[in-house]
Each structure stands twice: as C-alpha cells, then as structure tokens.
PDB file of N, CA and C in Angstrom:
ATOM      1  N   MET A   1     -44.579 -76.696 -84.872  1.00  0.00           N
ATOM      2  CA  MET A   1     -44.875 -75.609 -83.963  1.00  0.00           C
ATOM      3  C   MET A   1     -46.122 -75.985 -83.172  1.00  0.00           C
ATOM      4  N   GLY A   2     -45.998 -76.199 -81.901  1.00  0.00           N
ATOM      5  CA  GLY A   2     -47.108 -76.633 -81.077  1.00  0.00           C
ATOM      6  C   GLY A   2     -47.883 -75.482 -80.471  1.00  0.00           C
ATOM      7  N   ILE A   3     -48.592 -74.741 -81.293  1.00  0.00           N
ATOM      8  CA  ILE A   3     -49.335 -73.584 -80.818  1.00  0.00           C
ATOM      9  C   ILE A   3     -50.713 -74.030 -80.367  1.00  0.00           C
ATOM     10  N   GLN A   4     -51.064 -73.617 -79.154  1.00  0.00           N
ATOM     11  CA  GLN A   4     -52.386 -73.927 -78.626  1.00  0.00           C
ATOM     12  C   GLN A   4     -53.099 -72.617 -78.355  1.00  0.00           C
ATOM     13  N   GLY A   5     -54.338 -72.536 -78.731  1.00  0.00           N
ATOM     14  CA  GLY A   5     -55.097 -71.306 -78.558  1.00  0.00           C
ATOM     15  C   GLY A   5     -54.950 -70.408 -79.771  1.00  0.00           C
ATOM     16  N   LYS A   6     -55.524 -69.223 -79.663  1.00  0.00           N
ATOM     17  CA  LYS A   6     -55.527 -68.298 -80.791  1.00  0.00           C
ATOM     18  C   LYS A   6     -54.482 -67.203 -80.647  1.00  0.00           C
ATOM     19  N   ARG A   7     -53.842 -67.090 -79.508  1.00  0.00           N
ATOM     20  CA  ARG A   7     -52.833 -66.049 -79.284  1.00  0.00           C
ATOM     21  C   ARG A   7     -51.556 -66.653 -78.725  1.00  0.00           C
ATOM     22  N   PHE A   8     -50.443 -66.096 -79.170  1.00  0.00           N
ATOM     23  CA  PHE A   8     -49.151 -66.519 -78.642  1.00  0.00           C
ATOM     24  C   PHE A   8     -48.151 -65.377 -78.785  1.00  0.00           C
ATOM     25  N   LYS A   9     -47.083 -65.439 -78.009  1.00  0.00           N
ATOM     26  CA  LYS A   9     -46.071 -64.389 -78.012  1.00  0.00           C
ATOM     27  C   LYS A   9     -44.876 -64.779 -78.865  1.00  0.00           C
ATOM     28  N   LEU A  10     -44.262 -63.754 -79.463  1.00  0.00           N
ATOM     29  CA  LEU A  10     -43.021 -63.920 -80.205  1.00  0.00           C
ATOM     30  C   LEU A  10     -41.986 -62.952 -79.666  1.00  0.00           C
ATOM     31  N   ILE A  11     -40.746 -63.375 -79.679  1.00  0.00           N
ATOM     32  CA  ILE A  11     -39.617 -62.484 -79.460  1.00  0.00           C
ATOM     33  C   ILE A  11     -38.847 -62.502 -80.772  1.00  0.00           C
ATOM     34  N   VAL A  12     -38.812 -61.363 -81.449  1.00  0.00           N
ATOM     35  CA  VAL A  12     -38.313 -61.287 -82.818  1.00  0.00           C
ATOM     36  C   VAL A  12     -36.879 -60.774 -82.847  1.00  0.00           C
ATOM     37  N   LYS A  13     -36.048 -61.445 -83.663  1.00  0.00           N
ATOM     38  CA  LYS A  13     -34.697 -60.980 -83.939  1.00  0.00           C
ATOM     39  C   LYS A  13     -34.651 -60.628 -85.423  1.00  0.00           C
ATOM     40  N   PRO A  14     -34.770 -59.332 -85.758  1.00  0.00           N
ATOM     41  CA  PRO A  14     -34.763 -58.942 -87.171  1.00  0.00           C
ATOM     42  C   PRO A  14     -33.355 -58.964 -87.762  1.00  0.00           C
ATOM     43  N   ASN A  15     -33.283 -58.808 -89.079  1.00  0.00           N
ATOM     44  CA  ASN A  15     -32.008 -58.716 -89.793  1.00  0.00           C
ATOM     45  C   ASN A  15     -31.173 -59.990 -89.643  1.00  0.00           C
ATOM     46  N   SER A  16     -31.819 -61.148 -89.674  1.00  0.00           N
ATOM     47  CA  SER A  16     -31.145 -62.438 -89.553  1.00  0.00           C
ATOM     48  C   SER A  16     -30.871 -63.019 -90.936  1.00  0.00           C
ATOM     49  N   ARG A  17     -30.173 -64.124 -90.990  1.00  0.00           N
ATOM     50  CA  ARG A  17     -29.868 -64.777 -92.274  1.00  0.00           C
ATOM     51  C   ARG A  17     -31.077 -65.409 -92.924  1.00  0.00           C
ATOM     52  N   GLU A  18     -31.971 -65.975 -92.099  1.00  0.00           N
ATOM     53  CA  GLU A  18     -33.135 -66.668 -92.639  1.00  0.00           C
ATOM     54  C   GLU A  18     -34.323 -66.517 -91.702  1.00  0.00           C
ATOM     55  N   ASN A  19     -35.507 -66.734 -92.244  1.00  0.00           N
ATOM     56  CA  ASN A  19     -36.723 -66.744 -91.428  1.00  0.00           C
ATOM     57  C   ASN A  19     -36.855 -68.125 -90.808  1.00  0.00           C
ATOM     58  N   ARG A  20     -36.859 -68.187 -89.478  1.00  0.00           N
ATOM     59  CA  ARG A  20     -37.032 -69.483 -88.822  1.00  0.00           C
ATOM     60  C   ARG A  20     -37.394 -69.293 -87.363  1.00  0.00           C
ATOM     61  N   ILE A  21     -38.028 -70.316 -86.811  1.00  0.00           N
ATOM     62  CA  ILE A  21     -38.334 -70.335 -85.391  1.00  0.00           C
ATOM     63  C   ILE A  21     -37.134 -70.955 -84.711  1.00  0.00           C
ATOM     64  N   GLU A  22     -36.519 -70.204 -83.839  1.00  0.00           N
ATOM     65  CA  GLU A  22     -35.286 -70.644 -83.191  1.00  0.00           C
ATOM     66  C   GLU A  22     -35.556 -71.572 -82.014  1.00  0.00           C
ATOM     67  N   SER A  23     -36.417 -71.146 -81.087  1.00  0.00           N
ATOM     68  CA  SER A  23     -36.678 -71.951 -79.893  1.00  0.00           C
ATOM     69  C   SER A  23     -37.897 -71.407 -79.152  1.00  0.00           C
ATOM     70  N   PHE A  24     -38.214 -72.049 -78.031  1.00  0.00           N
ATOM     71  CA  PHE A  24     -39.281 -71.564 -77.161  1.00  0.00           C
ATOM     72  C   PHE A  24     -38.642 -71.120 -75.859  1.00  0.00           C
ATOM     73  N   ASP A  25     -38.932 -69.908 -75.436  1.00  0.00           N
ATOM     74  CA  ASP A  25     -38.392 -69.339 -74.197  1.00  0.00           C
ATOM     75  C   ASP A  25     -39.406 -69.591 -73.078  1.00  0.00           C
ATOM     76  N   ASN A  26     -39.114 -70.579 -72.227  1.00  0.00           N
ATOM     77  CA  ASN A  26     -40.034 -70.929 -71.142  1.00  0.00           C
ATOM     78  C   ASN A  26     -40.188 -69.811 -70.126  1.00  0.00           C
ATOM     79  N   GLU A  27     -39.114 -69.077 -69.909  1.00  0.00           N
ATOM     80  CA  GLU A  27     -39.138 -67.995 -68.928  1.00  0.00           C
ATOM     81  C   GLU A  27     -40.125 -66.896 -69.325  1.00  0.00           C
ATOM     82  N   ARG A  28     -40.142 -66.539 -70.619  1.00  0.00           N
ATOM     83  CA  ARG A  28     -41.026 -65.484 -71.121  1.00  0.00           C
ATOM     84  C   ARG A  28     -42.282 -66.041 -71.775  1.00  0.00           C
ATOM     85  N   ASN A  29     -42.382 -67.363 -71.864  1.00  0.00           N
ATOM     86  CA  ASN A  29     -43.523 -68.037 -72.483  1.00  0.00           C
ATOM     87  C   ASN A  29     -43.762 -67.516 -73.906  1.00  0.00           C
ATOM     88  N   ALA A  30     -42.665 -67.489 -74.691  1.00  0.00           N
ATOM     89  CA  ALA A  30     -42.730 -66.930 -76.054  1.00  0.00           C
ATOM     90  C   ALA A  30     -41.803 -67.696 -76.985  1.00  0.00           C
ATOM     91  N   TYR A  31     -42.146 -67.692 -78.270  1.00  0.00           N
ATOM     92  CA  TYR A  31     -41.296 -68.289 -79.294  1.00  0.00           C
ATOM     93  C   TYR A  31     -40.261 -67.268 -79.742  1.00  0.00           C
ATOM     94  N   ARG A  32     -39.027 -67.690 -79.892  1.00  0.00           N
ATOM     95  CA  ARG A  32     -37.971 -66.833 -80.447  1.00  0.00           C
ATOM     96  C   ARG A  32     -37.922 -67.082 -81.951  1.00  0.00           C
ATOM     97  N   VAL A  33     -38.037 -65.993 -82.721  1.00  0.00           N
ATOM     98  CA  VAL A  33     -38.125 -66.094 -84.174  1.00  0.00           C
ATOM     99  C   VAL A  33     -37.087 -65.189 -84.825  1.00  0.00           C
ATOM    100  N   ASN A  34     -36.363 -65.732 -85.803  1.00  0.00           N
ATOM    101  CA  ASN A  34     -35.434 -64.943 -86.607  1.00  0.00           C
ATOM    102  C   ASN A  34     -36.138 -64.536 -87.892  1.00  0.00           C
ATOM    103  N   ILE A  35     -35.982 -63.269 -88.269  1.00  0.00           N
ATOM    104  CA  ILE A  35     -36.607 -62.729 -89.484  1.00  0.00           C
ATOM    105  C   ILE A  35     -35.547 -62.016 -90.312  1.00  0.00           C
ATOM    106  N   LYS A  36     -35.565 -62.253 -91.634  1.00  0.00           N
ATOM    107  CA  LYS A  36     -34.591 -61.647 -92.553  1.00  0.00           C
ATOM    108  C   LYS A  36     -34.715 -60.134 -92.656  1.00  0.00           C
ATOM    109  N   ALA A  37     -35.918 -59.630 -92.639  1.00  0.00           N
ATOM    110  CA  ALA A  37     -36.181 -58.213 -92.905  1.00  0.00           C
ATOM    111  C   ALA A  37     -35.612 -57.302 -91.818  1.00  0.00           C
ATOM    112  N   LYS A  38     -35.308 -56.078 -92.235  1.00  0.00           N
ATOM    113  CA  LYS A  38     -34.814 -55.072 -91.296  1.00  0.00           C
ATOM    114  C   LYS A  38     -35.987 -54.449 -90.541  1.00  0.00           C
ATOM    115  N   PRO A  39     -35.739 -53.987 -89.316  1.00  0.00           N
ATOM    116  CA  PRO A  39     -36.829 -53.438 -88.503  1.00  0.00           C
ATOM    117  C   PRO A  39     -37.128 -51.970 -88.820  1.00  0.00           C
ATOM    118  N   GLU A  40     -37.176 -51.622 -90.084  1.00  0.00           N
ATOM    119  CA  GLU A  40     -37.473 -50.234 -90.446  1.00  0.00           C
ATOM    120  C   GLU A  40     -38.578 -50.214 -91.495  1.00  0.00           C
ATOM    121  N   GLY A  41     -39.415 -49.220 -91.430  1.00  0.00           N
ATOM    122  CA  GLY A  41     -40.505 -49.103 -92.393  1.00  0.00           C
ATOM    123  C   GLY A  41     -41.505 -50.246 -92.337  1.00  0.00           C
ATOM    124  N   ASN A  42     -41.680 -50.860 -91.179  1.00  0.00           N
ATOM    125  CA  ASN A  42     -42.647 -51.944 -90.973  1.00  0.00           C
ATOM    126  C   ASN A  42     -42.314 -53.220 -91.755  1.00  0.00           C
ATOM    127  N   LYS A  43     -41.115 -53.318 -92.322  1.00  0.00           N
ATOM    128  CA  LYS A  43     -40.732 -54.473 -93.142  1.00  0.00           C
ATOM    129  C   LYS A  43     -40.697 -55.762 -92.339  1.00  0.00           C
ATOM    130  N   ALA A  44     -40.154 -55.714 -91.127  1.00  0.00           N
ATOM    131  CA  ALA A  44     -40.069 -56.925 -90.302  1.00  0.00           C
ATOM    132  C   ALA A  44     -41.459 -57.428 -89.910  1.00  0.00           C
ATOM    133  N   ASN A  45     -42.363 -56.523 -89.584  1.00  0.00           N
ATOM    134  CA  ASN A  45     -43.735 -56.927 -89.223  1.00  0.00           C
ATOM    135  C   ASN A  45     -44.436 -57.607 -90.385  1.00  0.00           C
ATOM    136  N   ILE A  46     -44.279 -57.074 -91.581  1.00  0.00           N
ATOM    137  CA  ILE A  46     -44.890 -57.674 -92.769  1.00  0.00           C
ATOM    138  C   ILE A  46     -44.306 -59.061 -93.017  1.00  0.00           C
ATOM    139  N   GLU A  47     -43.002 -59.183 -92.854  1.00  0.00           N
ATOM    140  CA  GLU A  47     -42.328 -60.471 -93.057  1.00  0.00           C
ATOM    141  C   GLU A  47     -42.789 -61.503 -92.020  1.00  0.00           C
ATOM    142  N   ILE A  48     -42.995 -61.076 -90.787  1.00  0.00           N
ATOM    143  CA  ILE A  48     -43.485 -61.971 -89.728  1.00  0.00           C
ATOM    144  C   ILE A  48     -44.867 -62.515 -90.099  1.00  0.00           C
ATOM    145  N   ILE A  49     -45.753 -61.636 -90.555  1.00  0.00           N
ATOM    146  CA  ILE A  49     -47.107 -62.052 -90.927  1.00  0.00           C
ATOM    147  C   ILE A  49     -47.065 -63.048 -92.085  1.00  0.00           C
ATOM    148  N   LYS A  50     -46.275 -62.759 -93.108  1.00  0.00           N
ATOM    149  CA  LYS A  50     -46.155 -63.674 -94.259  1.00  0.00           C
ATOM    150  C   LYS A  50     -45.593 -65.023 -93.830  1.00  0.00           C
ATOM    151  N   PHE A  51     -44.519 -64.998 -93.029  1.00  0.00           N
ATOM    152  CA  PHE A  51     -43.853 -66.223 -92.581  1.00  0.00           C
ATOM    153  C   PHE A  51     -44.790 -67.094 -91.756  1.00  0.00           C
ATOM    154  N   LEU A  52     -45.462 -66.507 -90.784  1.00  0.00           N
ATOM    155  CA  LEU A  52     -46.350 -67.285 -89.919  1.00  0.00           C
ATOM    156  C   LEU A  52     -47.601 -67.766 -90.649  1.00  0.00           C
ATOM    157  N   SER A  53     -48.135 -66.953 -91.548  1.00  0.00           N
ATOM    158  CA  SER A  53     -49.307 -67.367 -92.325  1.00  0.00           C
ATOM    159  C   SER A  53     -48.988 -68.585 -93.176  1.00  0.00           C
ATOM    160  N   LYS A  54     -47.827 -68.574 -93.791  1.00  0.00           N
ATOM    161  CA  LYS A  54     -47.402 -69.705 -94.621  1.00  0.00           C
ATOM    162  C   LYS A  54     -47.142 -70.946 -93.764  1.00  0.00           C
ATOM    163  N   LEU A  55     -46.505 -70.750 -92.623  1.00  0.00           N
ATOM    164  CA  LEU A  55     -46.161 -71.850 -91.730  1.00  0.00           C
ATOM    165  C   LEU A  55     -47.400 -72.497 -91.114  1.00  0.00           C
ATOM    166  N   LEU A  56     -48.332 -71.676 -90.648  1.00  0.00           N
ATOM    167  CA  LEU A  56     -49.527 -72.177 -89.968  1.00  0.00           C
ATOM    168  C   LEU A  56     -50.681 -72.489 -90.921  1.00  0.00           C
ATOM    169  N   LYS A  57     -50.573 -71.994 -92.150  1.00  0.00           N
ATOM    170  CA  LYS A  57     -51.640 -72.141 -93.152  1.00  0.00           C
ATOM    171  C   LYS A  57     -52.943 -71.513 -92.665  1.00  0.00           C
ATOM    172  N   LYS A  58     -52.805 -70.401 -91.953  1.00  0.00           N
ATOM    173  CA  LYS A  58     -53.939 -69.625 -91.456  1.00  0.00           C
ATOM    174  C   LYS A  58     -53.539 -68.155 -91.480  1.00  0.00           C
ATOM    175  N   LYS A  59     -54.533 -67.280 -91.479  1.00  0.00           N
ATOM    176  CA  LYS A  59     -54.255 -65.850 -91.421  1.00  0.00           C
ATOM    177  C   LYS A  59     -53.883 -65.464 -89.998  1.00  0.00           C
ATOM    178  N   VAL A  60     -52.889 -64.594 -89.886  1.00  0.00           N
ATOM    179  CA  VAL A  60     -52.475 -64.097 -88.573  1.00  0.00           C
ATOM    180  C   VAL A  60     -52.373 -62.578 -88.622  1.00  0.00           C
ATOM    181  N   ARG A  61     -52.393 -61.988 -87.440  1.00  0.00           N
ATOM    182  CA  ARG A  61     -52.163 -60.545 -87.333  1.00  0.00           C
ATOM    183  C   ARG A  61     -51.396 -60.263 -86.057  1.00  0.00           C
ATOM    184  N   ILE A  62     -50.745 -59.118 -86.028  1.00  0.00           N
ATOM    185  CA  ILE A  62     -50.021 -58.698 -84.835  1.00  0.00           C
ATOM    186  C   ILE A  62     -51.009 -57.916 -83.977  1.00  0.00           C
ATOM    187  N   ALA A  63     -51.377 -58.487 -82.831  1.00  0.00           N
ATOM    188  CA  ALA A  63     -52.375 -57.878 -81.951  1.00  0.00           C
ATOM    189  C   ALA A  63     -51.755 -56.796 -81.072  1.00  0.00           C
ATOM    190  N   ALA A  64     -50.482 -56.946 -80.734  1.00  0.00           N
ATOM    191  CA  ALA A  64     -49.788 -55.959 -79.897  1.00  0.00           C
ATOM    192  C   ALA A  64     -48.287 -56.049 -80.155  1.00  0.00           C
ATOM    193  N   GLY A  65     -47.604 -54.926 -79.973  1.00  0.00           N
ATOM    194  CA  GLY A  65     -46.156 -54.918 -80.093  1.00  0.00           C
ATOM    195  C   GLY A  65     -45.629 -54.562 -81.465  1.00  0.00           C
ATOM    196  N   LEU A  66     -46.319 -53.697 -82.196  1.00  0.00           N
ATOM    197  CA  LEU A  66     -45.872 -53.335 -83.540  1.00  0.00           C
ATOM    198  C   LEU A  66     -44.480 -52.696 -83.550  1.00  0.00           C
ATOM    199  N   LYS A  67     -44.132 -51.974 -82.504  1.00  0.00           N
ATOM    200  CA  LYS A  67     -42.831 -51.300 -82.459  1.00  0.00           C
ATOM    201  C   LYS A  67     -41.882 -51.930 -81.446  1.00  0.00           C
ATOM    202  N   SER A  68     -42.188 -53.138 -81.034  1.00  0.00           N
ATOM    203  CA  SER A  68     -41.400 -53.838 -80.029  1.00  0.00           C
ATOM    204  C   SER A  68     -40.876 -55.150 -80.598  1.00  0.00           C
ATOM    205  N   ARG A  69     -39.831 -55.698 -79.999  1.00  0.00           N
ATOM    206  CA  ARG A  69     -39.341 -57.017 -80.410  1.00  0.00           C
ATOM    207  C   ARG A  69     -40.244 -58.120 -79.877  1.00  0.00           C
ATOM    208  N   GLU A  70     -40.968 -57.810 -78.809  1.00  0.00           N
ATOM    209  CA  GLU A  70     -41.898 -58.775 -78.231  1.00  0.00           C
ATOM    210  C   GLU A  70     -43.292 -58.482 -78.777  1.00  0.00           C
ATOM    211  N   LYS A  71     -43.892 -59.465 -79.445  1.00  0.00           N
ATOM    212  CA  LYS A  71     -45.164 -59.262 -80.131  1.00  0.00           C
ATOM    213  C   LYS A  71     -46.190 -60.296 -79.693  1.00  0.00           C
ATOM    214  N   LEU A  72     -47.435 -59.900 -79.732  1.00  0.00           N
ATOM    215  CA  LEU A  72     -48.541 -60.802 -79.471  1.00  0.00           C
ATOM    216  C   LEU A  72     -49.213 -61.081 -80.812  1.00  0.00           C
ATOM    217  N   ILE A  73     -49.230 -62.341 -81.199  1.00  0.00           N
ATOM    218  CA  ILE A  73     -49.779 -62.757 -82.497  1.00  0.00           C
ATOM    219  C   ILE A  73     -51.134 -63.399 -82.266  1.00  0.00           C
ATOM    220  N   GLU A  74     -52.079 -63.085 -83.139  1.00  0.00           N
ATOM    221  CA  GLU A  74     -53.425 -63.635 -83.048  1.00  0.00           C
ATOM    222  C   GLU A  74     -53.744 -64.370 -84.354  1.00  0.00           C
ATOM    223  N   ILE A  75     -54.256 -65.583 -84.222  1.00  0.00           N
ATOM    224  CA  ILE A  75     -54.682 -66.363 -85.379  1.00  0.00           C
ATOM    225  C   ILE A  75     -56.119 -65.979 -85.700  1.00  0.00           C
ATOM    226  N   ILE A  76     -56.362 -65.648 -86.971  1.00  0.00           N
ATOM    227  CA  ILE A  76     -57.695 -65.237 -87.422  1.00  0.00           C
ATOM    228  C   ILE A  76     -58.352 -66.421 -88.137  1.00  0.00           C
ATOM    229  N   ASP A  77     -59.578 -66.726 -87.750  1.00  0.00           N
ATOM    230  CA  ASP A  77     -60.305 -67.834 -88.401  1.00  0.00           C
ATOM    231  C   ASP A  77     -60.956 -67.399 -89.670  1.00  0.00           C
TER     232      ASP A  77
END
C-alpha cells in the first residue's frame, strides 16, 4: 500500500467475503476497500480501523465520513 502523507481516502464496500484492499480509484483519488463487517452499529468502522492498523502497523482513525462509504483516514503518530 503506497500511502504518502498522514491522510488518505477510502471507498468502503461493507458485507464482503474478506477484508482487503481492492484497488486505487484514480478518478476519486481513493482506495477501494472490502470489509467483512456489516454497516450497522458502527461494526464496519471498527473493522476498518483494526484492518488498517494491522496492515500499516500504525494507529489510525476515521477523520471524516463515519456514516458514509467514503471515508477520510488519518494516521496517528
């Protein structure tokens, strides 16, 4: 994952078979991510944070888009 800077966008597809980064959308300048969790009760957001933290080996948080499929992720030092 070639992330540069401390913030990046995600386009999330919840309720998928597995957690994975599908591709990079050049038009929207965002990563497309599949997440296993359902988009109810904040489950998908929690799963996104766990998945990205493990992948990047850094703490992350959702800076914007808690109720949207398009999210702004911030890496915390």
